[in-house]
């Protein structure tokens, strides 16, 4: 992990204060999806993630106040259609520049975006649980920081492609296969849109 990515956690931590829940007694849940990490990992086993199933899984844990997905910018029509489908499901999609030319030990722009947005969510809500869908060990400091703030972290990651240290750092680990996958050559219906709570002004 690069120093700048780790520092981003510390900077945001310094400005975040306690935020109220939307309603007393409601468990607020957020979903953070590392699109490329999960898709590439599952593809090795002839599977692809069902992102709608991930959202449904989160909704069974509480009120989904935010669902955000992170990937790299691509210009193909197929990828643009995929991004549109995610948006219809209720995800806010963040695209970062592709990582060609980045050193393998340096965190990619998409990683910085994921960390910054995850921490920023704590400015808007008192989030009780965050589902992080990634197997990338770069997010160890993020998980540690979230847990230090009392946020329950559930890791939803692919079997056999997840950092052991990352899994050990989370409160709970769930296989993405258990949540929902499809065969790589099959069609996933992506026309339903789960409700996502709007951010309240504070």
N, C-alpha and C. Protein backbone atom coordinates (compact mmCIF):
# COMPACT_ATOMS: atom_id res chain seq x y z
N UNK A 1 0.84 -1.19 0.00
CA UNK A 1 0.00 0.00 0.00
C UNK A 1 0.87 1.23 0.00
N UNK A 2 0.52 2.21 -0.81
CA UNK A 2 1.32 3.42 -0.86
C UNK A 2 1.06 4.26 0.37
N UNK A 3 2.04 5.11 0.71
CA UNK A 3 1.90 5.99 1.85
C UNK A 3 0.71 6.91 1.68
N UNK A 4 0.48 7.41 0.45
CA UNK A 4 -0.59 8.36 0.23
C UNK A 4 -1.96 7.75 0.48
N UNK A 5 -2.14 6.47 0.16
CA UNK A 5 -3.42 5.82 0.40
C UNK A 5 -3.65 5.66 1.89
N UNK A 6 -2.62 5.26 2.63
CA UNK A 6 -2.74 5.13 4.08
C UNK A 6 -3.00 6.50 4.71
N UNK A 7 -2.34 7.52 4.20
CA UNK A 7 -2.50 8.87 4.74
C UNK A 7 -3.91 9.38 4.51
N UNK A 8 -4.53 8.96 3.41
CA UNK A 8 -5.90 9.41 3.13
C UNK A 8 -6.85 8.99 4.24
N UNK A 9 -6.64 7.79 4.79
CA UNK A 9 -7.47 7.33 5.89
C UNK A 9 -7.30 8.24 7.10
N UNK A 10 -6.05 8.61 7.39
CA UNK A 10 -5.78 9.42 8.57
C UNK A 10 -6.32 10.84 8.42
N UNK A 11 -6.24 11.39 7.21
CA UNK A 11 -6.73 12.74 6.98
C UNK A 11 -8.23 12.81 7.16
N UNK A 12 -8.94 11.87 6.55
CA UNK A 12 -10.40 11.88 6.68
C UNK A 12 -10.82 11.61 8.12
N UNK A 13 -10.09 10.73 8.80
CA UNK A 13 -10.38 10.42 10.19
C UNK A 13 -10.35 11.68 11.04
N UNK A 14 -9.42 12.59 10.75
CA UNK A 14 -9.24 13.78 11.55
C UNK A 14 -10.41 14.74 11.48
N UNK A 15 -11.20 14.67 10.39
CA UNK A 15 -12.29 15.63 10.21
C UNK A 15 -13.67 15.04 10.46
N UNK A 16 -13.73 13.74 10.71
CA UNK A 16 -15.04 13.09 10.87
C UNK A 16 -15.48 13.13 12.33
N UNK A 17 -16.71 13.53 12.54
CA UNK A 17 -17.30 13.47 13.86
C UNK A 17 -18.47 12.51 13.85
N UNK A 18 -19.11 12.30 14.98
CA UNK A 18 -20.25 11.39 15.06
C UNK A 18 -21.41 11.98 14.27
N UNK A 19 -22.10 11.14 13.49
CA UNK A 19 -23.24 11.57 12.71
C UNK A 19 -24.47 10.81 13.16
N UNK A 20 -25.63 11.45 13.12
CA UNK A 20 -26.85 10.78 13.58
C UNK A 20 -27.34 9.73 12.59
N UNK A 21 -28.02 8.70 13.10
CA UNK A 21 -28.67 7.72 12.25
C UNK A 21 -29.89 8.37 11.61
N UNK A 22 -30.38 7.73 10.53
CA UNK A 22 -31.58 8.28 9.88
C UNK A 22 -32.77 8.24 10.81
N UNK A 23 -32.96 7.15 11.53
CA UNK A 23 -34.05 7.03 12.49
C UNK A 23 -33.55 6.19 13.65
N UNK A 24 -34.04 6.47 14.86
CA UNK A 24 -33.64 5.66 16.01
C UNK A 24 -34.01 4.19 15.79
N UNK A 25 -33.10 3.31 16.11
CA UNK A 25 -33.37 1.88 16.02
C UNK A 25 -33.14 1.27 14.66
N UNK A 26 -32.79 2.09 13.67
CA UNK A 26 -32.54 1.57 12.33
C UNK A 26 -31.05 1.27 12.17
N UNK A 27 -30.75 0.08 11.67
CA UNK A 27 -29.35 -0.30 11.43
C UNK A 27 -28.97 0.15 10.03
N UNK A 28 -28.03 1.07 9.95
CA UNK A 28 -27.61 1.61 8.66
C UNK A 28 -26.47 0.76 8.08
N UNK A 29 -26.64 0.38 6.82
CA UNK A 29 -25.67 -0.48 6.14
C UNK A 29 -25.23 0.18 4.84
N UNK A 30 -23.93 0.06 4.54
CA UNK A 30 -23.41 0.55 3.27
C UNK A 30 -22.72 -0.59 2.53
N UNK A 31 -22.74 -0.51 1.21
CA UNK A 31 -22.10 -1.51 0.36
C UNK A 31 -21.00 -0.84 -0.44
N UNK A 32 -19.81 -1.41 -0.41
CA UNK A 32 -18.67 -0.91 -1.17
C UNK A 32 -18.18 -2.05 -2.07
N UNK A 33 -18.22 -1.85 -3.37
CA UNK A 33 -17.89 -2.92 -4.31
C UNK A 33 -16.66 -2.58 -5.14
N UNK A 34 -15.65 -3.41 -5.07
CA UNK A 34 -14.44 -3.28 -5.88
C UNK A 34 -14.67 -4.12 -7.15
N UNK A 35 -15.21 -3.48 -8.18
CA UNK A 35 -15.72 -4.19 -9.35
C UNK A 35 -14.69 -5.09 -10.01
N UNK A 36 -13.53 -4.54 -10.34
CA UNK A 36 -12.54 -5.31 -11.10
C UNK A 36 -11.94 -6.43 -10.27
N UNK A 37 -11.67 -6.18 -9.00
CA UNK A 37 -11.09 -7.21 -8.15
C UNK A 37 -11.99 -8.43 -8.08
N UNK A 38 -13.28 -8.20 -7.87
CA UNK A 38 -14.22 -9.31 -7.74
C UNK A 38 -14.45 -9.98 -9.09
N UNK A 39 -14.67 -9.19 -10.13
CA UNK A 39 -14.97 -9.77 -11.44
C UNK A 39 -13.82 -10.62 -11.98
N UNK A 40 -12.60 -10.10 -11.87
CA UNK A 40 -11.44 -10.83 -12.37
C UNK A 40 -11.19 -12.09 -11.56
N UNK A 41 -11.34 -12.00 -10.25
CA UNK A 41 -11.11 -13.16 -9.39
C UNK A 41 -12.11 -14.28 -9.67
N UNK A 42 -13.39 -13.92 -9.81
CA UNK A 42 -14.41 -14.94 -10.06
C UNK A 42 -14.30 -15.52 -11.47
N UNK A 43 -13.83 -14.71 -12.41
CA UNK A 43 -13.70 -15.18 -13.79
C UNK A 43 -12.73 -16.36 -13.88
N UNK A 44 -11.77 -16.43 -12.98
CA UNK A 44 -10.83 -17.54 -12.97
C UNK A 44 -11.53 -18.87 -12.71
N UNK A 45 -12.72 -18.80 -12.11
CA UNK A 45 -13.50 -20.00 -11.81
C UNK A 45 -14.72 -20.13 -12.72
N UNK A 46 -14.73 -19.34 -13.81
CA UNK A 46 -15.85 -19.41 -14.75
C UNK A 46 -17.13 -18.81 -14.22
N UNK A 47 -17.00 -17.85 -13.29
CA UNK A 47 -18.18 -17.22 -12.70
C UNK A 47 -18.09 -15.71 -12.83
N UNK A 48 -19.24 -15.08 -12.65
CA UNK A 48 -19.25 -13.64 -12.57
C UNK A 48 -20.19 -13.22 -11.44
N UNK A 49 -19.92 -12.09 -10.82
CA UNK A 49 -20.70 -11.67 -9.66
C UNK A 49 -22.09 -11.18 -10.03
N UNK A 50 -23.04 -11.47 -9.18
CA UNK A 50 -24.38 -10.94 -9.32
C UNK A 50 -24.48 -9.75 -8.36
N UNK A 51 -24.31 -8.55 -8.89
CA UNK A 51 -24.26 -7.37 -8.04
C UNK A 51 -25.62 -7.06 -7.42
N UNK A 52 -26.67 -7.47 -8.08
CA UNK A 52 -28.00 -7.29 -7.50
C UNK A 52 -28.14 -8.16 -6.25
N UNK A 53 -27.61 -9.37 -6.31
CA UNK A 53 -27.67 -10.26 -5.14
C UNK A 53 -26.88 -9.69 -3.97
N UNK A 54 -25.77 -9.01 -4.27
CA UNK A 54 -24.99 -8.38 -3.19
C UNK A 54 -25.82 -7.31 -2.49
N UNK A 55 -26.53 -6.51 -3.28
CA UNK A 55 -27.37 -5.47 -2.70
C UNK A 55 -28.48 -6.09 -1.85
N UNK A 56 -29.09 -7.15 -2.36
CA UNK A 56 -30.14 -7.84 -1.60
C UNK A 56 -29.60 -8.40 -0.30
N UNK A 57 -28.40 -8.96 -0.35
CA UNK A 57 -27.76 -9.51 0.85
C UNK A 57 -27.58 -8.41 1.90
N UNK A 58 -27.13 -7.24 1.45
CA UNK A 58 -26.94 -6.11 2.37
C UNK A 58 -28.26 -5.65 2.98
N UNK A 59 -29.32 -5.66 2.17
CA UNK A 59 -30.62 -5.19 2.65
C UNK A 59 -31.21 -6.09 3.73
N UNK A 60 -30.75 -7.33 3.77
CA UNK A 60 -31.21 -8.23 4.83
C UNK A 60 -30.51 -7.95 6.15
N UNK A 61 -29.45 -7.16 6.10
CA UNK A 61 -28.73 -6.80 7.31
C UNK A 61 -29.22 -5.49 7.93
N UNK A 62 -29.90 -4.68 7.13
CA UNK A 62 -30.39 -3.41 7.63
C UNK A 62 -30.81 -2.51 6.49
N UNK A 63 -30.89 -1.22 6.76
CA UNK A 63 -31.29 -0.25 5.74
C UNK A 63 -30.06 0.16 4.94
N UNK A 64 -30.09 -0.09 3.64
CA UNK A 64 -28.96 0.26 2.79
C UNK A 64 -29.02 1.77 2.51
N UNK A 65 -28.14 2.52 3.15
CA UNK A 65 -28.13 3.97 2.98
C UNK A 65 -27.20 4.41 1.86
N UNK A 66 -26.30 3.52 1.44
CA UNK A 66 -25.40 3.83 0.33
C UNK A 66 -24.90 2.54 -0.29
N UNK A 67 -24.83 2.52 -1.61
CA UNK A 67 -24.25 1.39 -2.34
C UNK A 67 -23.36 2.00 -3.41
N UNK A 68 -22.06 1.80 -3.30
CA UNK A 68 -21.12 2.45 -4.20
C UNK A 68 -20.17 1.43 -4.81
N UNK A 69 -19.95 1.58 -6.10
CA UNK A 69 -19.12 0.62 -6.85
C UNK A 69 -17.96 1.37 -7.50
N UNK A 70 -16.80 0.71 -7.54
CA UNK A 70 -15.57 1.36 -7.99
C UNK A 70 -14.90 0.52 -9.07
N UNK A 71 -14.55 1.17 -10.17
CA UNK A 71 -13.89 0.46 -11.25
C UNK A 71 -13.04 1.41 -12.07
N UNK A 72 -12.48 0.89 -13.15
CA UNK A 72 -11.64 1.69 -14.03
C UNK A 72 -12.42 2.11 -15.27
N UNK A 73 -12.09 3.26 -15.79
CA UNK A 73 -12.77 3.80 -16.96
C UNK A 73 -12.48 2.96 -18.20
N UNK A 74 -13.53 2.58 -18.91
CA UNK A 74 -13.40 1.88 -20.19
C UNK A 74 -14.39 2.49 -21.17
N UNK A 75 -14.00 2.53 -22.42
CA UNK A 75 -14.82 3.22 -23.42
C UNK A 75 -15.72 2.29 -24.22
N UNK A 76 -15.64 0.98 -23.98
CA UNK A 76 -16.44 0.05 -24.77
C UNK A 76 -17.92 0.19 -24.47
N UNK A 77 -18.73 -0.08 -25.47
CA UNK A 77 -20.18 0.03 -25.30
C UNK A 77 -20.68 -0.96 -24.26
N UNK A 78 -20.09 -2.15 -24.26
CA UNK A 78 -20.51 -3.16 -23.29
C UNK A 78 -20.28 -2.73 -21.86
N UNK A 79 -19.14 -2.08 -21.62
CA UNK A 79 -18.85 -1.64 -20.26
C UNK A 79 -19.75 -0.48 -19.86
N UNK A 80 -20.04 0.41 -20.80
CA UNK A 80 -20.94 1.51 -20.50
C UNK A 80 -22.34 0.98 -20.16
N UNK A 81 -22.74 -0.07 -20.85
CA UNK A 81 -24.03 -0.70 -20.56
C UNK A 81 -24.03 -1.32 -19.16
N UNK A 82 -22.90 -1.92 -18.80
CA UNK A 82 -22.74 -2.52 -17.47
C UNK A 82 -22.85 -1.45 -16.39
N UNK A 83 -22.21 -0.32 -16.59
CA UNK A 83 -22.27 0.78 -15.63
C UNK A 83 -23.71 1.28 -15.50
N UNK A 84 -24.40 1.37 -16.62
CA UNK A 84 -25.80 1.79 -16.59
C UNK A 84 -26.67 0.82 -15.81
N UNK A 85 -26.40 -0.47 -15.97
CA UNK A 85 -27.16 -1.48 -15.24
C UNK A 85 -26.92 -1.38 -13.74
N UNK A 86 -25.67 -1.14 -13.35
CA UNK A 86 -25.36 -0.97 -11.93
C UNK A 86 -26.11 0.22 -11.35
N UNK A 87 -26.17 1.30 -12.12
CA UNK A 87 -26.87 2.49 -11.66
C UNK A 87 -28.35 2.20 -11.45
N UNK A 88 -28.95 1.44 -12.35
CA UNK A 88 -30.36 1.08 -12.20
C UNK A 88 -30.59 0.21 -10.97
N UNK A 89 -29.59 -0.58 -10.59
CA UNK A 89 -29.71 -1.40 -9.38
C UNK A 89 -29.66 -0.56 -8.11
N UNK A 90 -29.17 0.67 -8.22
CA UNK A 90 -29.07 1.53 -7.04
C UNK A 90 -27.65 1.85 -6.63
N UNK A 91 -26.67 1.40 -7.41
CA UNK A 91 -25.28 1.71 -7.09
C UNK A 91 -24.89 3.08 -7.66
N UNK A 92 -24.06 3.80 -6.89
CA UNK A 92 -23.39 4.98 -7.42
C UNK A 92 -22.02 4.50 -7.90
N UNK A 93 -21.75 4.69 -9.18
CA UNK A 93 -20.54 4.13 -9.78
C UNK A 93 -19.46 5.20 -9.90
N UNK A 94 -18.26 4.86 -9.43
CA UNK A 94 -17.11 5.77 -9.50
C UNK A 94 -16.06 5.12 -10.41
N UNK A 95 -15.71 5.81 -11.48
CA UNK A 95 -14.72 5.29 -12.41
C UNK A 95 -13.43 6.10 -12.33
N UNK A 96 -12.31 5.40 -12.25
CA UNK A 96 -10.99 6.04 -12.15
C UNK A 96 -10.16 5.67 -13.37
N UNK A 97 -9.09 6.42 -13.64
CA UNK A 97 -8.23 6.09 -14.79
C UNK A 97 -7.67 4.68 -14.68
N UNK A 98 -7.49 4.05 -15.83
CA UNK A 98 -6.93 2.70 -15.87
C UNK A 98 -5.51 2.71 -15.32
N UNK A 99 -5.05 1.53 -14.88
CA UNK A 99 -3.80 1.45 -14.14
C UNK A 99 -2.59 1.07 -14.97
N UNK A 100 -2.69 1.10 -16.30
CA UNK A 100 -1.51 0.80 -17.11
C UNK A 100 -0.37 1.72 -16.70
N UNK A 101 0.80 1.10 -16.46
CA UNK A 101 1.96 1.89 -16.10
C UNK A 101 2.16 2.06 -14.61
N UNK A 102 1.17 1.64 -13.79
CA UNK A 102 1.34 1.75 -12.34
C UNK A 102 2.17 0.58 -11.83
N UNK A 103 3.07 0.88 -10.91
CA UNK A 103 3.89 -0.17 -10.31
C UNK A 103 3.00 -1.05 -9.45
N UNK A 104 3.29 -2.35 -9.43
CA UNK A 104 2.41 -3.27 -8.71
C UNK A 104 2.38 -3.01 -7.22
N UNK A 105 3.36 -2.30 -6.67
CA UNK A 105 3.37 -2.00 -5.25
C UNK A 105 2.69 -0.66 -4.94
N UNK A 106 2.27 0.03 -5.97
CA UNK A 106 1.64 1.33 -5.78
C UNK A 106 0.13 1.20 -5.93
N UNK A 107 -0.61 1.77 -4.99
CA UNK A 107 -2.06 1.68 -5.04
C UNK A 107 -2.59 2.42 -6.27
N UNK A 108 -3.54 1.82 -6.95
CA UNK A 108 -4.12 2.40 -8.15
C UNK A 108 -5.10 3.51 -7.79
N UNK A 109 -5.41 4.40 -8.74
CA UNK A 109 -6.39 5.46 -8.48
C UNK A 109 -7.72 4.94 -7.96
N UNK A 110 -8.17 3.80 -8.46
CA UNK A 110 -9.45 3.26 -7.99
C UNK A 110 -9.40 2.92 -6.51
N UNK A 111 -8.23 2.49 -6.01
CA UNK A 111 -8.10 2.19 -4.59
C UNK A 111 -8.22 3.45 -3.74
N UNK A 112 -7.58 4.53 -4.20
CA UNK A 112 -7.68 5.80 -3.49
C UNK A 112 -9.13 6.28 -3.45
N UNK A 113 -9.82 6.15 -4.58
CA UNK A 113 -11.21 6.57 -4.66
C UNK A 113 -12.08 5.78 -3.68
N UNK A 114 -11.87 4.48 -3.64
CA UNK A 114 -12.66 3.62 -2.76
C UNK A 114 -12.45 4.00 -1.30
N UNK A 115 -11.21 4.21 -0.90
CA UNK A 115 -10.92 4.57 0.49
C UNK A 115 -11.53 5.92 0.85
N UNK A 116 -11.32 6.90 -0.01
CA UNK A 116 -11.81 8.25 0.28
C UNK A 116 -13.34 8.28 0.39
N UNK A 117 -14.02 7.61 -0.54
CA UNK A 117 -15.49 7.63 -0.52
C UNK A 117 -16.04 6.84 0.67
N UNK A 118 -15.39 5.74 1.02
CA UNK A 118 -15.86 4.96 2.16
C UNK A 118 -15.79 5.79 3.43
N UNK A 119 -14.67 6.46 3.64
CA UNK A 119 -14.53 7.29 4.83
C UNK A 119 -15.49 8.48 4.78
N UNK A 120 -15.71 9.02 3.59
CA UNK A 120 -16.60 10.17 3.47
C UNK A 120 -18.04 9.82 3.83
N UNK A 121 -18.43 8.56 3.64
CA UNK A 121 -19.78 8.14 4.00
C UNK A 121 -20.05 8.35 5.49
N UNK A 122 -18.99 8.27 6.28
CA UNK A 122 -19.15 8.46 7.72
C UNK A 122 -19.47 9.91 8.07
N UNK A 123 -19.27 10.81 7.12
CA UNK A 123 -19.65 12.21 7.31
C UNK A 123 -21.16 12.37 7.18
N UNK A 124 -21.80 11.49 6.42
CA UNK A 124 -23.23 11.62 6.13
C UNK A 124 -24.11 10.79 7.05
N UNK A 125 -23.60 9.66 7.49
CA UNK A 125 -24.41 8.74 8.28
C UNK A 125 -23.61 8.16 9.44
N UNK A 126 -24.33 7.74 10.44
CA UNK A 126 -23.73 6.88 11.45
C UNK A 126 -23.95 5.46 10.95
N UNK A 127 -22.99 4.96 10.22
CA UNK A 127 -23.13 3.64 9.59
C UNK A 127 -22.77 2.56 10.59
N UNK A 128 -23.65 1.59 10.73
CA UNK A 128 -23.43 0.50 11.67
C UNK A 128 -22.60 -0.62 11.07
N UNK A 129 -22.78 -0.87 9.78
CA UNK A 129 -22.06 -1.97 9.13
C UNK A 129 -21.75 -1.61 7.68
N UNK A 130 -20.54 -1.95 7.26
CA UNK A 130 -20.15 -1.76 5.88
C UNK A 130 -19.76 -3.10 5.27
N UNK A 131 -20.34 -3.42 4.14
CA UNK A 131 -19.96 -4.60 3.38
C UNK A 131 -18.93 -4.18 2.35
N UNK A 132 -17.73 -4.69 2.46
CA UNK A 132 -16.69 -4.41 1.49
C UNK A 132 -16.50 -5.64 0.62
N UNK A 133 -16.76 -5.48 -0.66
CA UNK A 133 -16.63 -6.60 -1.59
C UNK A 133 -15.31 -6.46 -2.34
N UNK A 134 -14.27 -7.09 -1.80
CA UNK A 134 -12.94 -7.06 -2.38
C UNK A 134 -12.08 -8.09 -1.66
N UNK A 135 -11.05 -8.56 -2.36
CA UNK A 135 -10.09 -9.44 -1.73
C UNK A 135 -8.72 -8.81 -1.65
N UNK A 136 -8.65 -7.50 -1.87
CA UNK A 136 -7.39 -6.76 -2.00
C UNK A 136 -6.83 -6.38 -0.63
N UNK A 137 -5.62 -6.83 -0.33
CA UNK A 137 -4.98 -6.55 0.95
C UNK A 137 -4.67 -5.07 1.14
N UNK A 138 -4.72 -4.26 0.07
CA UNK A 138 -4.48 -2.83 0.20
C UNK A 138 -5.47 -2.16 1.14
N UNK A 139 -6.60 -2.80 1.37
CA UNK A 139 -7.63 -2.18 2.19
C UNK A 139 -7.56 -2.58 3.67
N UNK A 140 -6.48 -3.18 4.08
CA UNK A 140 -6.29 -3.51 5.50
C UNK A 140 -6.39 -2.28 6.40
N UNK A 141 -5.67 -1.18 6.10
CA UNK A 141 -5.79 0.00 6.96
C UNK A 141 -7.20 0.57 7.01
N UNK A 142 -7.92 0.49 5.90
CA UNK A 142 -9.29 0.98 5.87
C UNK A 142 -10.16 0.17 6.82
N UNK A 143 -10.05 -1.15 6.76
CA UNK A 143 -10.86 -2.00 7.64
C UNK A 143 -10.51 -1.74 9.09
N UNK A 144 -9.23 -1.60 9.38
CA UNK A 144 -8.81 -1.34 10.76
C UNK A 144 -9.39 -0.02 11.26
N UNK A 145 -9.38 0.99 10.41
CA UNK A 145 -9.92 2.29 10.82
C UNK A 145 -11.42 2.24 11.04
N UNK A 146 -12.14 1.56 10.14
CA UNK A 146 -13.59 1.45 10.30
C UNK A 146 -13.95 0.74 11.59
N UNK A 147 -13.26 -0.36 11.88
CA UNK A 147 -13.55 -1.10 13.11
C UNK A 147 -13.19 -0.30 14.35
N UNK A 148 -12.14 0.51 14.27
CA UNK A 148 -11.76 1.33 15.43
C UNK A 148 -12.83 2.37 15.74
N UNK A 149 -13.65 2.70 14.75
CA UNK A 149 -14.74 3.65 14.93
C UNK A 149 -16.05 2.95 15.28
N UNK A 150 -15.99 1.64 15.52
CA UNK A 150 -17.18 0.90 15.92
C UNK A 150 -18.04 0.41 14.78
N UNK A 151 -17.56 0.52 13.55
CA UNK A 151 -18.31 0.04 12.39
C UNK A 151 -18.01 -1.44 12.18
N UNK A 152 -19.05 -2.24 12.05
CA UNK A 152 -18.89 -3.66 11.75
C UNK A 152 -18.53 -3.80 10.28
N UNK A 153 -17.50 -4.58 9.99
CA UNK A 153 -17.05 -4.76 8.62
C UNK A 153 -17.26 -6.21 8.19
N UNK A 154 -18.08 -6.38 7.16
CA UNK A 154 -18.28 -7.70 6.57
C UNK A 154 -17.59 -7.73 5.22
N UNK A 155 -16.71 -8.69 5.06
CA UNK A 155 -15.97 -8.83 3.81
C UNK A 155 -16.68 -9.85 2.93
N UNK A 156 -17.08 -9.43 1.74
CA UNK A 156 -17.71 -10.33 0.78
C UNK A 156 -16.71 -10.51 -0.35
N UNK A 157 -16.09 -11.67 -0.40
CA UNK A 157 -14.94 -11.85 -1.30
C UNK A 157 -14.97 -13.23 -1.95
N UNK A 158 -14.24 -13.38 -3.04
CA UNK A 158 -14.22 -14.66 -3.75
C UNK A 158 -13.36 -15.70 -3.03
N UNK A 159 -13.80 -16.95 -3.07
CA UNK A 159 -13.03 -18.04 -2.49
C UNK A 159 -11.68 -18.17 -3.20
N UNK A 160 -10.64 -18.37 -2.41
CA UNK A 160 -9.33 -18.65 -2.99
C UNK A 160 -8.59 -17.47 -3.57
N UNK A 161 -9.19 -16.28 -3.57
CA UNK A 161 -8.53 -15.11 -4.16
C UNK A 161 -8.54 -13.93 -3.21
N UNK A 162 -8.59 -14.22 -1.92
CA UNK A 162 -8.69 -13.16 -0.93
C UNK A 162 -7.49 -13.20 0.01
N UNK A 163 -6.95 -12.05 0.30
CA UNK A 163 -5.85 -11.95 1.24
C UNK A 163 -6.25 -12.51 2.60
N UNK A 164 -5.43 -13.40 3.14
CA UNK A 164 -5.73 -13.97 4.46
C UNK A 164 -5.74 -12.90 5.54
N UNK A 165 -4.82 -11.95 5.43
CA UNK A 165 -4.77 -10.87 6.41
C UNK A 165 -6.02 -10.01 6.33
N UNK A 166 -6.50 -9.78 5.13
CA UNK A 166 -7.72 -9.00 4.97
C UNK A 166 -8.90 -9.72 5.60
N UNK A 167 -9.00 -11.02 5.35
CA UNK A 167 -10.10 -11.80 5.93
C UNK A 167 -10.03 -11.80 7.45
N UNK A 168 -8.83 -11.91 7.99
CA UNK A 168 -8.67 -11.94 9.45
C UNK A 168 -9.02 -10.61 10.09
N UNK A 169 -8.89 -9.52 9.32
CA UNK A 169 -9.14 -8.19 9.87
C UNK A 169 -10.63 -7.86 9.97
N UNK A 170 -11.46 -8.54 9.18
CA UNK A 170 -12.89 -8.23 9.14
C UNK A 170 -13.64 -8.90 10.29
N UNK A 171 -14.82 -8.38 10.60
CA UNK A 171 -15.67 -9.00 11.62
C UNK A 171 -16.30 -10.29 11.11
N UNK A 172 -16.61 -10.30 9.83
CA UNK A 172 -17.27 -11.45 9.21
C UNK A 172 -16.78 -11.58 7.78
N UNK A 173 -16.64 -12.80 7.30
CA UNK A 173 -16.24 -13.05 5.92
C UNK A 173 -17.29 -13.93 5.27
N UNK A 174 -17.78 -13.49 4.12
CA UNK A 174 -18.80 -14.24 3.38
C UNK A 174 -18.29 -14.46 1.97
N UNK A 175 -18.41 -15.67 1.48
CA UNK A 175 -18.01 -15.96 0.10
C UNK A 175 -18.98 -15.32 -0.88
N UNK A 176 -18.45 -14.68 -1.91
CA UNK A 176 -19.33 -14.09 -2.91
C UNK A 176 -20.17 -15.17 -3.59
N UNK A 177 -19.65 -16.38 -3.66
CA UNK A 177 -20.40 -17.49 -4.25
C UNK A 177 -21.68 -17.74 -3.46
N UNK A 178 -21.61 -17.61 -2.14
CA UNK A 178 -22.80 -17.77 -1.30
C UNK A 178 -23.80 -16.65 -1.53
N UNK A 179 -23.30 -15.46 -1.78
CA UNK A 179 -24.17 -14.31 -1.99
C UNK A 179 -24.87 -14.40 -3.34
N UNK A 180 -24.11 -14.74 -4.38
CA UNK A 180 -24.73 -14.90 -5.69
C UNK A 180 -23.77 -14.71 -6.84
N UNK A 181 -23.62 -15.74 -7.65
CA UNK A 181 -22.83 -15.65 -8.88
C UNK A 181 -23.60 -16.34 -10.00
N UNK A 182 -23.19 -16.08 -11.21
CA UNK A 182 -23.76 -16.76 -12.36
C UNK A 182 -22.62 -17.31 -13.20
N UNK A 183 -22.96 -18.20 -14.13
CA UNK A 183 -21.95 -18.72 -15.04
C UNK A 183 -21.49 -17.59 -15.94
N UNK A 184 -20.23 -17.60 -16.30
CA UNK A 184 -19.64 -16.49 -17.03
C UNK A 184 -20.34 -16.22 -18.36
N UNK A 185 -20.92 -17.25 -18.98
CA UNK A 185 -21.54 -17.06 -20.29
C UNK A 185 -23.06 -16.92 -20.22
N UNK A 186 -23.59 -16.72 -19.01
CA UNK A 186 -25.04 -16.59 -18.88
C UNK A 186 -25.44 -15.13 -18.79
N UNK A 187 -26.73 -14.87 -18.87
CA UNK A 187 -27.26 -13.52 -18.82
C UNK A 187 -27.88 -13.25 -17.46
N UNK A 188 -27.53 -12.10 -16.88
CA UNK A 188 -28.10 -11.71 -15.58
C UNK A 188 -29.13 -10.62 -15.82
N UNK A 189 -30.32 -10.80 -15.27
CA UNK A 189 -31.33 -9.76 -15.39
C UNK A 189 -30.96 -8.63 -14.44
N UNK A 190 -30.85 -7.42 -14.97
CA UNK A 190 -30.37 -6.30 -14.17
C UNK A 190 -31.31 -5.10 -14.29
N UNK A 191 -32.62 -5.38 -14.31
CA UNK A 191 -33.54 -4.27 -14.52
C UNK A 191 -34.30 -3.88 -13.26
N UNK A 192 -33.99 -4.51 -12.12
CA UNK A 192 -34.64 -4.14 -10.88
C UNK A 192 -33.77 -3.16 -10.14
N UNK A 193 -34.40 -2.25 -9.42
CA UNK A 193 -33.64 -1.23 -8.71
C UNK A 193 -34.04 -1.21 -7.24
N UNK A 194 -33.18 -1.72 -6.33
CA UNK A 194 -33.50 -1.66 -4.91
C UNK A 194 -33.45 -0.23 -4.42
N UNK A 195 -34.24 0.01 -3.39
CA UNK A 195 -34.29 1.37 -2.85
C UNK A 195 -33.03 1.67 -2.07
N UNK A 196 -32.47 2.83 -2.30
CA UNK A 196 -31.32 3.31 -1.54
C UNK A 196 -31.72 4.62 -0.90
N UNK A 197 -31.52 4.74 0.40
CA UNK A 197 -31.93 5.94 1.10
C UNK A 197 -31.13 7.14 0.61
N UNK A 198 -31.80 8.27 0.49
CA UNK A 198 -31.11 9.49 0.09
C UNK A 198 -30.37 10.06 1.28
N UNK A 199 -29.24 10.72 0.99
CA UNK A 199 -28.45 11.33 2.07
C UNK A 199 -29.22 12.50 2.67
N UNK A 200 -29.24 12.56 4.00
CA UNK A 200 -29.86 13.68 4.66
C UNK A 200 -28.87 14.83 4.79
N UNK A 201 -29.37 16.02 4.77
CA UNK A 201 -28.51 17.18 5.02
C UNK A 201 -28.26 17.28 6.51
N UNK A 202 -27.02 17.54 6.89
CA UNK A 202 -26.67 17.65 8.30
C UNK A 202 -26.09 19.02 8.57
